[in-house]
Each structure stands twice: as C-alpha cells, then as structure tokens.
C-alpha atoms as a PDB file:
ATOM      1  CA  MET A   1     205.853 233.239 189.429  1.00  0.00           C
ATOM      2  CA  THR A   2     204.656 234.832 186.214  1.00  0.00           C
ATOM      3  CA  ASP A   3     205.683 238.251 185.047  1.00  0.00           C
ATOM      4  CA  PRO A   4     202.791 240.743 185.448  1.00  0.00           C
ATOM      5  CA  ASN A   5     203.974 242.591 182.323  1.00  0.00           C
ATOM      6  CA  ASP A   6     203.436 239.551 180.069  1.00  0.00           C
ATOM      7  CA  LYS A   7     200.619 239.948 177.557  1.00  0.00           C
ATOM      8  CA  ILE A   8     197.747 237.509 177.672  1.00  0.00           C
ATOM      9  CA  HIS A   9     196.428 236.411 174.294  1.00  0.00           C
ATOM     10  CA  VAL A  10     192.876 235.124 174.351  1.00  0.00           C
ATOM     11  CA  SER A  11     190.691 234.424 171.343  1.00  0.00           C
ATOM     12  CA  THR A  12     187.381 236.238 170.924  1.00  0.00           C
ATOM     13  CA  GLU A  13     185.373 233.116 171.729  1.00  0.00           C
ATOM     14  CA  GLU A  14     187.332 232.501 174.933  1.00  0.00           C
ATOM     15  CA  ALA A  15     187.040 236.123 176.022  1.00  0.00           C
ATOM     16  CA  ARG A  16     183.276 236.107 175.544  1.00  0.00           C
ATOM     17  CA  ALA A  17     182.943 232.735 177.270  1.00  0.00           C
ATOM     18  CA  GLY A  18     180.632 231.455 174.577  1.00  0.00           C
ATOM     19  CA  SER A  19     179.356 231.956 171.083  1.00  0.00           C
ATOM     20  CA  THR A  20     177.491 234.991 169.818  1.00  0.00           C
ATOM     21  CA  PRO A  21     174.735 234.060 167.401  1.00  0.00           C
ATOM     22  CA  HIS A  22     173.695 236.555 164.755  1.00  0.00           C
ATOM     23  CA  MET A  23     170.062 236.405 165.876  1.00  0.00           C
ATOM     24  CA  THR A  24     170.381 239.735 167.690  1.00  0.00           C
ATOM     25  CA  ARG A  25     170.850 241.768 164.529  1.00  0.00           C
ATOM     26  CA  TYR A  26     167.736 240.226 162.983  1.00  0.00           C
ATOM     27  CA  ILE A  27     165.673 240.931 166.080  1.00  0.00           C
ATOM     28  CA  LEU A  28     166.861 244.542 166.139  1.00  0.00           C
ATOM     29  CA  ALA A  29     166.134 245.008 162.425  1.00  0.00           C
ATOM     30  CA  ILE A  30     162.643 243.504 162.654  1.00  0.00           C
ATOM     31  CA  SER A  31     161.869 245.557 165.766  1.00  0.00           C
ATOM     32  CA  LEU A  32     163.003 248.752 164.069  1.00  0.00           C
ATOM     33  CA  VAL A  33     160.827 248.071 161.041  1.00  0.00           C
ATOM     34  CA  LEU A  34     157.818 247.303 163.243  1.00  0.00           C
ATOM     35  CA  VAL A  35     158.265 250.504 165.223  1.00  0.00           C
ATOM     36  CA  ILE A  36     158.498 252.569 162.034  1.00  0.00           C
ATOM     37  CA  VAL A  37     155.367 250.908 160.608  1.00  0.00           C
ATOM     38  CA  ILE A  38     153.404 251.443 163.826  1.00  0.00           C
ATOM     39  CA  PHE A  39     154.433 255.089 164.101  1.00  0.00           C
ATOM     40  CA  ALA A  40     153.595 255.694 160.437  1.00  0.00           C
ATOM     41  CA  TYR A  41     150.168 254.125 160.958  1.00  0.00           C
ATOM     42  CA  LEU A  42     149.532 256.250 164.055  1.00  0.00           C
ATOM     43  CA  PHE A  43     150.707 259.380 162.260  1.00  0.00           C
ATOM     44  CA  TYR A  44     148.404 258.891 159.268  1.00  0.00           C
ATOM     45  CA  ALA A  45     145.467 257.476 161.243  1.00  0.00           C
ATOM     46  CA  GLY A  46     145.592 260.100 163.963  1.00  0.00           C
END
C-alpha cells in the first residue's frame, strides 16, 4: 500500500489532461479591442 503522505509530482501537461493553445489570449485581446471600438462609436455617434 502506498503512503498517503507521499507527494505526487505531475507535469503541467498531465495535470491539465491536454495542451493549452495560446489562441485564447488572442481572442480575448481582439474582443476587448472590438468592444472598445464599438463603445467609442456609440459614445460619439449618440
């Protein structure tokens, strides 16, 4: 039987059970820019 006090070392990839592409940061950045542009347009047009 294993000791419950033993530390388990798992790499980041194994802990996440897959890869994490960097697409998310680009989507968030583009979305933020679009929201700012749309709000600026509505502010000046309204």
